Amino acid sequence: MFEIFTELADWLTYDLLQITSDTKLADAVHFFIEDTSKIFVLLIVMIYVIALLRASLNVEKVRDYLAGKHRGIGYLMGSSFGAITPFCSCSSIPVFLGFTSAGIPVGITMSFLITSPLINEVAILLLMSLLGWKFTVLYVLVGMTVGMLGGLFLDFIKAERWLQSFAAEALKRGQLQTASTEGVAAEQTKDKLSLRNRHQFAKTEALEIFGRVWKWVIIGVGLGAALHGFVPDGWIATHLGDQQWWSVPAAVLLGIPLYSNATGIIPVMESLLSNGLPIGTTLAFCMSTVAASFPEFILLKQVMQWRLLAILFAMLLVAFTLVGWIFNTFTPLL
């Protein structure tokens, strides 16, 4: 399936650019061309297909459905919705505000917000080709579990008191509202989109999301190419090896200053694994980069006070460290 991208990279690297094979530069350039072209094509195709299916999705109806469910079901539904929607952290924030305005508990909303950047359909597809279905299923389950447990914990400590004032007021108004006649009317008058309109919606969303994330893909692939081509074999395994307990928290801390989405981090993951880094340490680093980086928390400051940001930050660091230790322990059994 992916041979065409390998052939394209071969032609561009060795024929067009005439870079000598079996060199560090050739390995890095080949890696960059192959993974960038593959991710770009998959990104556009998969987002278009998912958007086509989601074109008639009524967000208000989803919010009403979540608001009326048992809290445990709400965590699962919030996390599941986060897993199937191709949102990065910046595009998740408007949805976060929409859920808050609907009066949905903060924990359920946070289950969505935590899971959404960790899991998307492109990352799942690439992980499947890279690590196989067992690790892919485990990754999805771990990402959703982190989201649900995070939401449960934040509800337990009543995290809504640390929202920014406008978000807290929107939540309070939403919780005080009963069945809105305006919402019912909007639901009744909502027209179903035609196939042509769905295509236009999917095309627009695919181009819009691609326009937001393509630079992060290049940055992620570029970092992965540098690691793949120029980091000495065994260096990462030696310094962050699985025999050293501190390697996982060190990898988590290393990912904080960086930023990528779940799609852009896959080539970095591939490069780290090929350089000998254990799967658990690699996952901990990648999760930290995607969901606990400084750039993401700068965005979240729009809707959260510093205390809630600090709690969320510490919670994610602990969760990712535990995930890394668990995967490193049980990987030999898979």
C-alpha atoms as a PDB file:
ATOM      1  CA  MET A   1       0.000   0.000   0.000  1.00  0.00           C
ATOM      2  CA  PHE A   2       2.790   2.420   0.899  1.00  0.00           C
ATOM      3  CA  GLU A   3       5.324   1.254  -1.713  1.00  0.00           C
ATOM      4  CA  ILE A   4       4.519   4.220  -3.953  1.00  0.00           C
ATOM      5  CA  PHE A   5       5.813   6.611  -1.306  1.00  0.00           C
ATOM      6  CA  THR A   6       9.026   4.614  -0.953  1.00  0.00           C
ATOM      7  CA  GLU A   7       9.522   4.691  -4.726  1.00  0.00           C
ATOM      8  CA  LEU A   8       8.875   8.435  -4.791  1.00  0.00           C
ATOM      9  CA  ALA A   9      11.441   8.966  -2.033  1.00  0.00           C
ATOM     10  CA  ASP A  10      13.947   6.765  -3.891  1.00  0.00           C
ATOM     11  CA  TRP A  11      13.549   8.782  -7.087  1.00  0.00           C
ATOM     12  CA  LEU A  12      13.732  12.200  -5.427  1.00  0.00           C
ATOM     13  CA  THR A  13      16.602  11.321  -3.095  1.00  0.00           C
ATOM     14  CA  TYR A  14      18.887   9.259  -5.311  1.00  0.00           C
ATOM     15  CA  ASP A  15      17.955  10.282  -8.890  1.00  0.00           C
ATOM     16  CA  LEU A  16      16.774  13.877  -8.732  1.00  0.00           C
ATOM     17  CA  LEU A  17      18.852  15.159  -5.799  1.00  0.00           C
ATOM     18  CA  GLN A  18      21.647  12.636  -6.512  1.00  0.00           C
ATOM     19  CA  ILE A  19      22.479  12.100  -2.861  1.00  0.00           C
ATOM     20  CA  THR A  20      24.837   9.209  -2.295  1.00  0.00           C
ATOM     21  CA  SER A  21      23.050   6.243  -0.763  1.00  0.00           C
ATOM     22  CA  ASP A  22      24.124   4.639   2.525  1.00  0.00           C
ATOM     23  CA  THR A  23      24.942   8.026   4.059  1.00  0.00           C
ATOM     24  CA  LYS A  24      23.377   9.784   7.046  1.00  0.00           C
ATOM     25  CA  LEU A  25      22.143  12.600   4.807  1.00  0.00           C
ATOM     26  CA  ALA A  26      20.541  10.184   2.366  1.00  0.00           C
ATOM     27  CA  ASP A  27      18.780   8.339   5.199  1.00  0.00           C
ATOM     28  CA  ALA A  28      17.440  11.599   6.633  1.00  0.00           C
ATOM     29  CA  VAL A  29      16.260  13.020   3.297  1.00  0.00           C
ATOM     30  CA  HIS A  30      14.687   9.728   2.215  1.00  0.00           C
ATOM     31  CA  PHE A  31      12.874   9.425   5.545  1.00  0.00           C
ATOM     32  CA  PHE A  32      11.612  13.012   5.287  1.00  0.00           C
ATOM     33  CA  ILE A  33      10.308  12.688   1.717  1.00  0.00           C
ATOM     34  CA  GLU A  34       8.682   9.293   2.218  1.00  0.00           C
ATOM     35  CA  ASP A  35       6.921  10.118   5.487  1.00  0.00           C
ATOM     36  CA  THR A  36       5.877  13.645   4.506  1.00  0.00           C
ATOM     37  CA  SER A  37       4.262  12.519   1.253  1.00  0.00           C
ATOM     38  CA  LYS A  38       2.586   9.563   2.966  1.00  0.00           C
ATOM     39  CA  ILE A  39       1.203  11.632   5.835  1.00  0.00           C
ATOM     40  CA  PHE A  40      -0.015  14.446   3.572  1.00  0.00           C
ATOM     41  CA  VAL A  41      -1.963  12.061   1.332  1.00  0.00           C
ATOM     42  CA  LEU A  42      -3.424  10.117   4.255  1.00  0.00           C
ATOM     43  CA  LEU A  43      -4.243  13.326   6.082  1.00  0.00           C
ATOM     44  CA  ILE A  44      -6.296  14.774   3.233  1.00  0.00           C
ATOM     45  CA  VAL A  45      -8.031  11.506   2.327  1.00  0.00           C
ATOM     46  CA  MET A  46      -8.904  10.447   5.869  1.00  0.00           C
ATOM     47  CA  ILE A  47     -10.092  13.868   7.019  1.00  0.00           C
ATOM     48  CA  TYR A  48     -12.245  14.153   3.897  1.00  0.00           C
ATOM     49  CA  VAL A  49     -13.840  10.727   4.484  1.00  0.00           C
ATOM     50  CA  ILE A  50     -14.478  11.372   8.181  1.00  0.00           C
ATOM     51  CA  ALA A  51     -15.839  14.857   7.452  1.00  0.00           C
ATOM     52  CA  LEU A  52     -18.139  13.411   4.796  1.00  0.00           C
ATOM     53  CA  LEU A  53     -19.588  11.061   7.415  1.00  0.00           C
ATOM     54  CA  ARG A  54     -19.818  13.846   9.978  1.00  0.00           C
ATOM     55  CA  ALA A  55     -21.349  16.402   7.608  1.00  0.00           C
ATOM     56  CA  SER A  56     -24.869  15.948   8.962  1.00  0.00           C
ATOM     57  CA  LEU A  57     -23.797  15.543  12.593  1.00  0.00           C
ATOM     58  CA  ASN A  58     -25.768  17.846  14.863  1.00  0.00           C
ATOM     59  CA  VAL A  59     -23.323  19.074  17.519  1.00  0.00           C
ATOM     60  CA  GLU A  60     -26.148  20.420  19.687  1.00  0.00           C
ATOM     61  CA  LYS A  61     -27.791  17.010  19.663  1.00  0.00           C
ATOM     62  CA  VAL A  62     -24.527  15.353  20.704  1.00  0.00           C
ATOM     63  CA  ARG A  63     -24.160  17.815  23.568  1.00  0.00           C
ATOM     64  CA  ASP A  64     -27.761  17.244  24.692  1.00  0.00           C
ATOM     65  CA  TYR A  65     -27.218  13.490  24.536  1.00  0.00           C
ATOM     66  CA  LEU A  66     -24.085  13.690  26.684  1.00  0.00           C
ATOM     67  CA  ALA A  67     -25.724  16.031  29.180  1.00  0.00           C
ATOM     68  CA  GLY A  68     -28.550  13.591  29.805  1.00  0.00           C
ATOM     69  CA  LYS A  69     -26.411  10.520  30.417  1.00  0.00           C
ATOM     70  CA  HIS A  70     -25.052   8.959  33.602  1.00  0.00           C
ATOM     71  CA  ARG A  71     -21.733  10.517  34.517  1.00  0.00           C
ATOM     72  CA  GLY A  72     -19.748   7.318  33.798  1.00  0.00           C
ATOM     73  CA  ILE A  73     -21.362   6.940  30.377  1.00  0.00           C
ATOM     74  CA  GLY A  74     -20.683  10.624  29.808  1.00  0.00           C
ATOM     75  CA  TYR A  75     -16.936  10.131  30.366  1.00  0.00           C
ATOM     76  CA  LEU A  76     -16.909   7.254  27.886  1.00  0.00           C
ATOM     77  CA  MET A  77     -18.934   9.185  25.311  1.00  0.00           C
ATOM     78  CA  GLY A  78     -16.834  12.333  25.727  1.00  0.00           C
ATOM     79  CA  SER A  79     -13.619  10.376  25.307  1.00  0.00           C
ATOM     80  CA  SER A  80     -15.025   8.439  22.337  1.00  0.00           C
ATOM     81  CA  PHE A  81     -16.140  11.651  20.639  1.00  0.00           C
ATOM     82  CA  GLY A  82     -12.659  13.055  21.188  1.00  0.00           C
ATOM     83  CA  ALA A  83     -11.121   9.945  19.628  1.00  0.00           C
ATOM     84  CA  ILE A  84     -13.157  10.114  16.400  1.00  0.00           C
ATOM     85  CA  THR A  85     -12.906  13.864  15.786  1.00  0.00           C
ATOM     86  CA  PRO A  86      -9.802  15.186  13.978  1.00  0.00           C
ATOM     87  CA  PHE A  87      -9.235  18.123  16.307  1.00  0.00           C
ATOM     88  CA  CYS A  88      -5.900  19.427  17.502  1.00  0.00           C
ATOM     89  CA  SER A  89      -5.726  21.388  20.742  1.00  0.00           C
ATOM     90  CA  CYS A  90      -6.422  24.755  19.096  1.00  0.00           C
ATOM     91  CA  SER A  91      -9.588  23.561  17.344  1.00  0.00           C
ATOM     92  CA  SER A  92     -10.740  21.600  20.399  1.00  0.00           C
ATOM     93  CA  ILE A  93     -11.119  24.750  22.489  1.00  0.00           C
ATOM     94  CA  PRO A  94     -14.232  26.082  20.636  1.00  0.00           C
ATOM     95  CA  VAL A  95     -15.844  22.661  21.089  1.00  0.00           C
ATOM     96  CA  PHE A  96     -14.843  22.787  24.769  1.00  0.00           C
ATOM     97  CA  LEU A  97     -16.676  26.100  25.070  1.00  0.00           C
ATOM     98  CA  GLY A  98     -19.688  24.672  23.247  1.00  0.00           C
ATOM     99  CA  PHE A  99     -19.892  21.741  25.652  1.00  0.00           C
ATOM    100  CA  THR A 100     -19.486  24.104  28.604  1.00  0.00           C
ATOM    101  CA  SER A 101     -22.271  26.363  27.314  1.00  0.00           C
ATOM    102  CA  ALA A 102     -24.526  23.323  27.052  1.00  0.00           C
ATOM    103  CA  GLY A 103     -24.089  22.706  30.796  1.00  0.00           C
ATOM    104  CA  ILE A 104     -22.160  19.457  30.382  1.00  0.00           C
ATOM    105  CA  PRO A 105     -20.019  18.735  33.487  1.00  0.00           C
ATOM    106  CA  VAL A 106     -16.402  19.805  33.200  1.00  0.00           C
ATOM    107  CA  GLY A 107     -15.152  16.239  33.697  1.00  0.00           C
ATOM    108  CA  ILE A 108     -17.009  14.971  30.636  1.00  0.00           C
ATOM    109  CA  THR A 109     -15.795  17.925  28.610  1.00  0.00           C
ATOM    110  CA  MET A 110     -12.222  17.338  29.785  1.00  0.00           C
ATOM    111  CA  SER A 111     -12.493  13.675  28.772  1.00  0.00           C
ATOM    112  CA  PHE A 112     -13.085  14.965  25.258  1.00  0.00           C
ATOM    113  CA  LEU A 113     -10.384  17.635  25.446  1.00  0.00           C
ATOM    114  CA  ILE A 114      -7.684  15.246  26.708  1.00  0.00           C
ATOM    115  CA  THR A 115      -8.487  12.433  24.283  1.00  0.00           C
ATOM    116  CA  SER A 116      -8.974  14.536  21.144  1.00  0.00           C
ATOM    117  CA  PRO A 117      -5.330  15.545  20.505  1.00  0.00           C
ATOM    118  CA  LEU A 118      -4.020  12.100  21.516  1.00  0.00           C
ATOM    119  CA  ILE A 119      -6.044  10.033  19.052  1.00  0.00           C
ATOM    120  CA  ASN A 120      -7.145  10.630  15.482  1.00  0.00           C
ATOM    121  CA  GLU A 121      -7.912   8.437  12.517  1.00  0.00           C
ATOM    122  CA  VAL A 122      -4.669   9.226  10.682  1.00  0.00           C
ATOM    123  CA  ALA A 123      -2.534   8.414  13.723  1.00  0.00           C
ATOM    124  CA  ILE A 124      -4.395   5.128  14.136  1.00  0.00           C
ATOM    125  CA  LEU A 125      -3.825   4.188  10.499  1.00  0.00           C
ATOM    126  CA  LEU A 126      -0.127   5.035  10.671  1.00  0.00           C
ATOM    127  CA  LEU A 127       0.329   3.235  13.980  1.00  0.00           C
ATOM    128  CA  MET A 128      -1.329   0.183  12.470  1.00  0.00           C
ATOM    129  CA  SER A 129       1.235   0.106   9.671  1.00  0.00           C
ATOM    130  CA  LEU A 130       4.101   0.856  12.057  1.00  0.00           C
ATOM    131  CA  LEU A 131       3.403  -1.282  15.143  1.00  0.00           C
ATOM    132  CA  GLY A 132       0.566  -3.617  14.195  1.00  0.00           C
ATOM    133  CA  TRP A 133      -2.999  -3.848  15.425  1.00  0.00           C
ATOM    134  CA  LYS A 134      -2.232  -4.992  18.990  1.00  0.00           C
ATOM    135  CA  PHE A 135      -0.217  -1.902  19.883  1.00  0.00           C
ATOM    136  CA  THR A 136      -2.651   0.321  17.992  1.00  0.00           C
ATOM    137  CA  VAL A 137      -5.615  -1.007  19.980  1.00  0.00           C
ATOM    138  CA  LEU A 138      -3.631  -0.611  23.189  1.00  0.00           C
ATOM    139  CA  TYR A 139      -2.722   2.959  22.277  1.00  0.00           C
ATOM    140  CA  VAL A 140      -6.363   3.846  21.622  1.00  0.00           C
ATOM    141  CA  LEU A 141      -7.493   2.196  24.862  1.00  0.00           C
ATOM    142  CA  VAL A 142      -4.759   3.930  26.845  1.00  0.00           C
ATOM    143  CA  GLY A 143      -5.552   7.322  25.308  1.00  0.00           C
ATOM    144  CA  MET A 144      -9.269   6.975  26.060  1.00  0.00           C
ATOM    145  CA  THR A 145      -8.565   5.701  29.580  1.00  0.00           C
ATOM    146  CA  VAL A 146      -6.332   8.680  30.297  1.00  0.00           C
ATOM    147  CA  GLY A 147      -9.125  10.960  29.091  1.00  0.00           C
ATOM    148  CA  MET A 148     -11.847   9.258  31.157  1.00  0.00           C
ATOM    149  CA  LEU A 149      -9.802   9.025  34.368  1.00  0.00           C
ATOM    150  CA  GLY A 150      -8.712  12.627  33.909  1.00  0.00           C
ATOM    151  CA  GLY A 151     -12.324  13.717  33.583  1.00  0.00           C
ATOM    152  CA  LEU A 152     -13.341  11.688  36.637  1.00  0.00           C
ATOM    153  CA  PHE A 153     -10.568  13.218  38.738  1.00  0.00           C
ATOM    154  CA  LEU A 154     -11.344  16.782  37.625  1.00  0.00           C
ATOM    155  CA  ASP A 155     -15.024  16.331  38.453  1.00  0.00           C
ATOM    156  CA  PHE A 156     -14.040  14.913  41.858  1.00  0.00           C
ATOM    157  CA  ILE A 157     -12.030  18.029  42.746  1.00  0.00           C
ATOM    158  CA  LYS A 158     -14.760  20.308  41.290  1.00  0.00           C
ATOM    159  CA  ALA A 159     -12.452  21.777  38.662  1.00  0.00           C
ATOM    160  CA  GLU A 160     -15.193  24.023  37.268  1.00  0.00           C
ATOM    161  CA  ARG A 161     -14.382  26.581  39.994  1.00  0.00           C
ATOM    162  CA  TRP A 162     -11.070  27.235  38.224  1.00  0.00           C
ATOM    163  CA  LEU A 163     -12.434  28.001  34.783  1.00  0.00           C
ATOM    164  CA  GLN A 164     -12.019  31.493  33.409  1.00  0.00           C
ATOM    165  CA  SER A 165     -14.963  33.656  34.498  1.00  0.00           C
ATOM    166  CA  PHE A 166     -16.696  33.730  31.110  1.00  0.00           C
ATOM    167  CA  ALA A 167     -16.458  29.929  30.777  1.00  0.00           C
ATOM    168  CA  ALA A 168     -17.714  29.384  34.344  1.00  0.00           C
ATOM    169  CA  GLU A 169     -20.675  31.691  33.708  1.00  0.00           C
ATOM    170  CA  ALA A 170     -21.491  29.859  30.478  1.00  0.00           C
ATOM    171  CA  LEU A 171     -21.418  26.536  32.343  1.00  0.00           C
ATOM    172  CA  LYS A 172     -23.700  27.861  35.066  1.00  0.00           C
ATOM    173  CA  ARG A 173     -26.195  29.224  32.557  1.00  0.00           C
ATOM    174  CA  GLY A 174     -26.188  25.948  30.669  1.00  0.00           C
ATOM    175  CA  GLN A 175     -26.822  23.919  33.830  1.00  0.00           C
ATOM    176  CA  LEU A 176     -29.726  26.156  34.844  1.00  0.00           C
ATOM    177  CA  GLN A 177     -31.473  25.805  31.506  1.00  0.00           C
ATOM    178  CA  THR A 178     -34.124  23.150  31.031  1.00  0.00           C
ATOM    179  CA  ALA A 179     -35.156  21.823  27.654  1.00  0.00           C
ATOM    180  CA  SER A 180     -34.674  24.793  25.375  1.00  0.00           C
ATOM    181  CA  THR A 181     -37.546  25.445  23.003  1.00  0.00           C
ATOM    182  CA  GLU A 182     -35.120  27.353  20.853  1.00  0.00           C
ATOM    183  CA  GLY A 183     -32.891  24.278  20.620  1.00  0.00           C
ATOM    184  CA  VAL A 184     -35.854  22.086  19.750  1.00  0.00           C
ATOM    185  CA  ALA A 185     -36.924  24.493  17.043  1.00  0.00           C
ATOM    186  CA  ALA A 186     -33.418  24.574  15.661  1.00  0.00           C
ATOM    187  CA  GLU A 187     -33.385  20.786  15.620  1.00  0.00           C
ATOM    188  CA  GLN A 188     -36.700  20.608  13.821  1.00  0.00           C
ATOM    189  CA  THR A 189     -35.750  23.159  11.191  1.00  0.00           C
ATOM    190  CA  LYS A 190     -32.291  21.747  10.524  1.00  0.00           C
ATOM    191  CA  ASP A 191     -32.204  20.588   6.927  1.00  0.00           C
ATOM    192  CA  LYS A 192     -30.380  17.460   5.926  1.00  0.00           C
ATOM    193  CA  LEU A 193     -27.418  18.178   3.732  1.00  0.00           C
ATOM    194  CA  SER A 194     -27.431  16.918   0.173  1.00  0.00           C
ATOM    195  CA  LEU A 195     -24.564  14.775  -1.089  1.00  0.00           C
ATOM    196  CA  ARG A 196     -23.167  17.770  -2.955  1.00  0.00           C
ATOM    197  CA  ASN A 197     -23.292  19.909   0.185  1.00  0.00           C
ATOM    198  CA  ARG A 198     -21.651  17.141   2.205  1.00  0.00           C
ATOM    199  CA  HIS A 199     -18.868  16.952  -0.357  1.00  0.00           C
ATOM    200  CA  GLN A 200     -18.366  20.705  -0.146  1.00  0.00           C
ATOM    201  CA  PHE A 201     -18.347  20.556   3.665  1.00  0.00           C
ATOM    202  CA  ALA A 202     -15.844  17.681   3.675  1.00  0.00           C
ATOM    203  CA  LYS A 203     -13.631  19.398   1.095  1.00  0.00           C
ATOM    204  CA  THR A 204     -13.651  22.666   3.044  1.00  0.00           C
ATOM    205  CA  GLU A 205     -12.903  20.949   6.358  1.00  0.00           C
ATOM    206  CA  ALA A 206     -10.135  18.815   4.878  1.00  0.00           C
ATOM    207  CA  LEU A 207      -8.422  21.862   3.376  1.00  0.00           C
ATOM    208  CA  GLU A 208      -8.951  23.924   6.523  1.00  0.00           C
ATOM    209  CA  ILE A 209      -7.528  21.294   8.869  1.00  0.00           C
ATOM    210  CA  PHE A 210      -4.695  20.522   6.455  1.00  0.00           C
ATOM    211  CA  GLY A 211      -3.913  24.237   6.310  1.00  0.00           C
ATOM    212  CA  ARG A 212      -3.583  24.315  10.099  1.00  0.00           C
ATOM    213  CA  VAL A 213      -1.503  21.190  10.623  1.00  0.00           C
ATOM    214  CA  TRP A 214       0.751  20.825   7.565  1.00  0.00           C
ATOM    215  CA  LYS A 215       3.539  22.874   9.119  1.00  0.00           C
ATOM    216  CA  TRP A 216       3.452  20.718  12.250  1.00  0.00           C
ATOM    217  CA  VAL A 217       3.696  17.618  10.079  1.00  0.00           C
ATOM    218  CA  ILE A 218       6.803  19.038   8.416  1.00  0.00           C
ATOM    219  CA  ILE A 219       8.303  19.953  11.779  1.00  0.00           C
ATOM    220  CA  GLY A 220       7.494  16.544  13.200  1.00  0.00           C
ATOM    221  CA  VAL A 221       8.803  14.677  10.173  1.00  0.00           C
ATOM    222  CA  GLY A 222      11.872  16.923  10.091  1.00  0.00           C
ATOM    223  CA  LEU A 223      12.651  16.097  13.708  1.00  0.00           C
ATOM    224  CA  GLY A 224      12.058  12.443  12.997  1.00  0.00           C
ATOM    225  CA  ALA A 225      14.326  12.597   9.941  1.00  0.00           C
ATOM    226  CA  ALA A 226      17.080  14.244  11.981  1.00  0.00           C
ATOM    227  CA  LEU A 227      16.788  11.578  14.645  1.00  0.00           C
ATOM    228  CA  HIS A 228      16.649   8.853  12.017  1.00  0.00           C
ATOM    229  CA  GLY A 229      19.573  10.089   9.968  1.00  0.00           C
ATOM    230  CA  PHE A 230      22.002  11.745  12.340  1.00  0.00           C
ATOM    231  CA  VAL A 231      21.554  10.371  15.866  1.00  0.00           C
ATOM    232  CA  PRO A 232      24.177   7.628  16.354  1.00  0.00           C
ATOM    233  CA  ASP A 233      22.775   4.130  16.506  1.00  0.00           C
ATOM    234  CA  GLY A 234      22.171   3.113  20.094  1.00  0.00           C
ATOM    235  CA  TRP A 235      22.644   6.599  21.579  1.00  0.00           C
ATOM    236  CA  ILE A 236      19.004   7.026  22.581  1.00  0.00           C
ATOM    237  CA  ALA A 237      18.734   3.460  23.825  1.00  0.00           C
ATOM    238  CA  THR A 238      21.868   3.990  25.923  1.00  0.00           C
ATOM    239  CA  HIS A 239      20.666   7.232  27.525  1.00  0.00           C
ATOM    240  CA  LEU A 240      16.952   6.444  27.830  1.00  0.00           C
ATOM    241  CA  GLY A 241      17.076   2.665  27.943  1.00  0.00           C
ATOM    242  CA  ASP A 242      14.439   0.455  29.480  1.00  0.00           C
ATOM    243  CA  GLN A 243      16.766  -0.668  32.272  1.00  0.00           C
ATOM    244  CA  GLN A 244      16.710   2.804  33.821  1.00  0.00           C
ATOM    245  CA  TRP A 245      13.559   3.661  35.760  1.00  0.00           C
ATOM    246  CA  TRP A 246      14.021   7.384  35.282  1.00  0.00           C
ATOM    247  CA  SER A 247      14.069   7.120  31.487  1.00  0.00           C
ATOM    248  CA  VAL A 248      10.275   7.339  31.192  1.00  0.00           C
ATOM    249  CA  PRO A 249       9.773  10.507  33.304  1.00  0.00           C
ATOM    250  CA  ALA A 250      12.844  11.987  31.576  1.00  0.00           C
ATOM    251  CA  ALA A 251      11.231  11.334  28.181  1.00  0.00           C
ATOM    252  CA  VAL A 252       7.982  12.925  29.388  1.00  0.00           C
ATOM    253  CA  LEU A 253       9.833  16.049  30.540  1.00  0.00           C
ATOM    254  CA  LEU A 254      11.777  16.148  27.269  1.00  0.00           C
ATOM    255  CA  GLY A 255       8.522  16.309  25.296  1.00  0.00           C
ATOM    256  CA  ILE A 256       7.112  19.324  27.166  1.00  0.00           C
ATOM    257  CA  PRO A 257       8.961  22.110  25.276  1.00  0.00           C
ATOM    258  CA  LEU A 258       8.044  20.530  21.936  1.00  0.00           C
ATOM    259  CA  TYR A 259       4.712  20.515  20.123  1.00  0.00           C
ATOM    260  CA  SER A 260       3.121  18.276  17.524  1.00  0.00           C
ATOM    261  CA  ASN A 261      -0.244  16.761  16.794  1.00  0.00           C
ATOM    262  CA  ALA A 262      -0.912  13.021  16.787  1.00  0.00           C
ATOM    263  CA  THR A 263      -0.227  12.841  13.048  1.00  0.00           C
ATOM    264  CA  GLY A 264       3.058  14.717  13.091  1.00  0.00           C
ATOM    265  CA  ILE A 265       4.435  12.742  16.028  1.00  0.00           C
ATOM    266  CA  ILE A 266       4.142   9.344  14.300  1.00  0.00           C
ATOM    267  CA  PRO A 267       7.346   9.703  12.222  1.00  0.00           C
ATOM    268  CA  VAL A 268       9.165  10.824  15.368  1.00  0.00           C
ATOM    269  CA  MET A 269       7.872   7.708  17.104  1.00  0.00           C
ATOM    270  CA  GLU A 270       9.037   5.571  14.187  1.00  0.00           C
ATOM    271  CA  SER A 271      12.501   7.096  14.332  1.00  0.00           C
ATOM    272  CA  LEU A 272      12.804   6.706  18.110  1.00  0.00           C
ATOM    273  CA  LEU A 273      11.768   3.058  17.933  1.00  0.00           C
ATOM    274  CA  SER A 274      14.227   2.355  15.115  1.00  0.00           C
ATOM    275  CA  ASN A 275      16.973   3.897  17.267  1.00  0.00           C
ATOM    276  CA  GLY A 276      16.270   1.445  20.063  1.00  0.00           C
ATOM    277  CA  LEU A 277      14.015   3.402  22.429  1.00  0.00           C
ATOM    278  CA  PRO A 278      11.546   1.108  24.251  1.00  0.00           C
ATOM    279  CA  ILE A 279       7.901   1.352  23.220  1.00  0.00           C
ATOM    280  CA  GLY A 280       6.717   2.613  26.614  1.00  0.00           C
ATOM    281  CA  THR A 281       9.336   5.365  26.773  1.00  0.00           C
ATOM    282  CA  THR A 282       8.515   6.333  23.191  1.00  0.00           C
ATOM    283  CA  LEU A 283       4.773   6.513  23.892  1.00  0.00           C
ATOM    284  CA  ALA A 284       5.371   8.580  27.038  1.00  0.00           C
ATOM    285  CA  PHE A 285       7.491  11.061  25.076  1.00  0.00           C
ATOM    286  CA  CYS A 286       4.988  11.303  22.213  1.00  0.00           C
ATOM    287  CA  MET A 287       1.954  11.705  24.493  1.00  0.00           C
ATOM    288  CA  SER A 288       3.754  14.465  26.381  1.00  0.00           C
ATOM    289  CA  THR A 289       4.601  16.249  23.132  1.00  0.00           C
ATOM    290  CA  VAL A 290       1.020  16.022  21.850  1.00  0.00           C
ATOM    291  CA  ALA A 291      -1.060  16.689  24.973  1.00  0.00           C
ATOM    292  CA  ALA A 292       1.163  18.312  27.634  1.00  0.00           C
ATOM    293  CA  SER A 293       3.381  20.728  25.724  1.00  0.00           C
ATOM    294  CA  PHE A 294       3.818  24.388  26.617  1.00  0.00           C
ATOM    295  CA  PRO A 295       2.196  25.639  23.366  1.00  0.00           C
ATOM    296  CA  GLU A 296      -0.972  23.674  24.093  1.00  0.00           C
ATOM    297  CA  PHE A 297      -1.193  25.004  27.645  1.00  0.00           C
ATOM    298  CA  ILE A 298      -0.796  28.545  26.354  1.00  0.00           C
ATOM    299  CA  LEU A 299      -3.918  27.902  24.271  1.00  0.00           C
ATOM    300  CA  LEU A 300      -5.764  26.346  27.213  1.00  0.00           C
ATOM    301  CA  LYS A 301      -5.047  29.458  29.277  1.00  0.00           C
ATOM    302  CA  GLN A 302      -7.859  31.047  27.260  1.00  0.00           C
ATOM    303  CA  VAL A 303     -10.441  28.978  29.148  1.00  0.00           C
ATOM    304  CA  MET A 304      -8.702  27.910  32.381  1.00  0.00           C
ATOM    305  CA  GLN A 305      -7.126  29.602  35.361  1.00  0.00           C
ATOM    306  CA  TRP A 306      -3.510  28.848  36.269  1.00  0.00           C
ATOM    307  CA  ARG A 307      -4.455  26.521  39.141  1.00  0.00           C
ATOM    308  CA  LEU A 308      -6.506  24.269  36.873  1.00  0.00           C
ATOM    309  CA  LEU A 309      -3.756  24.334  34.249  1.00  0.00           C
ATOM    310  CA  ALA A 310      -1.191  23.267  36.865  1.00  0.00           C
ATOM    311  CA  ILE A 311      -3.419  20.422  38.095  1.00  0.00           C
ATOM    312  CA  LEU A 312      -4.081  19.235  34.546  1.00  0.00           C
ATOM    313  CA  PHE A 313      -0.375  19.480  33.705  1.00  0.00           C
ATOM    314  CA  ALA A 314       0.720  17.444  36.746  1.00  0.00           C
ATOM    315  CA  MET A 315      -2.040  14.899  36.175  1.00  0.00           C
ATOM    316  CA  LEU A 316      -0.990  14.308  32.568  1.00  0.00           C
ATOM    317  CA  LEU A 317       2.699  13.987  33.460  1.00  0.00           C
ATOM    318  CA  VAL A 318       1.910  11.334  36.077  1.00  0.00           C
ATOM    319  CA  ALA A 319      -0.454   9.509  33.710  1.00  0.00           C
ATOM    320  CA  PHE A 320       2.042   9.430  30.824  1.00  0.00           C
ATOM    321  CA  THR A 321       4.829   8.229  33.120  1.00  0.00           C
ATOM    322  CA  LEU A 322       2.644   5.374  34.380  1.00  0.00           C
ATOM    323  CA  VAL A 323       1.668   4.506  30.804  1.00  0.00           C
ATOM    324  CA  GLY A 324       5.343   4.329  29.818  1.00  0.00           C
ATOM    325  CA  TRP A 325       6.259   2.084  32.729  1.00  0.00           C
ATOM    326  CA  ILE A 326       3.288  -0.223  32.049  1.00  0.00           C
ATOM    327  CA  PHE A 327       4.099  -0.580  28.331  1.00  0.00           C
ATOM    328  CA  ASN A 328       7.782  -1.207  29.046  1.00  0.00           C
ATOM    329  CA  THR A 329       6.830  -3.893  31.567  1.00  0.00           C
ATOM    330  CA  PHE A 330       4.269  -5.738  29.471  1.00  0.00           C
ATOM    331  CA  THR A 331       5.619  -5.270  25.920  1.00  0.00           C
ATOM    332  CA  PRO A 332       7.645  -8.533  26.055  1.00  0.00           C
ATOM    333  CA  LEU A 333       4.386 -10.398  26.739  1.00  0.00           C
ATOM    334  CA  LEU A 334       2.685  -9.190  23.542  1.00  0.00           C
END
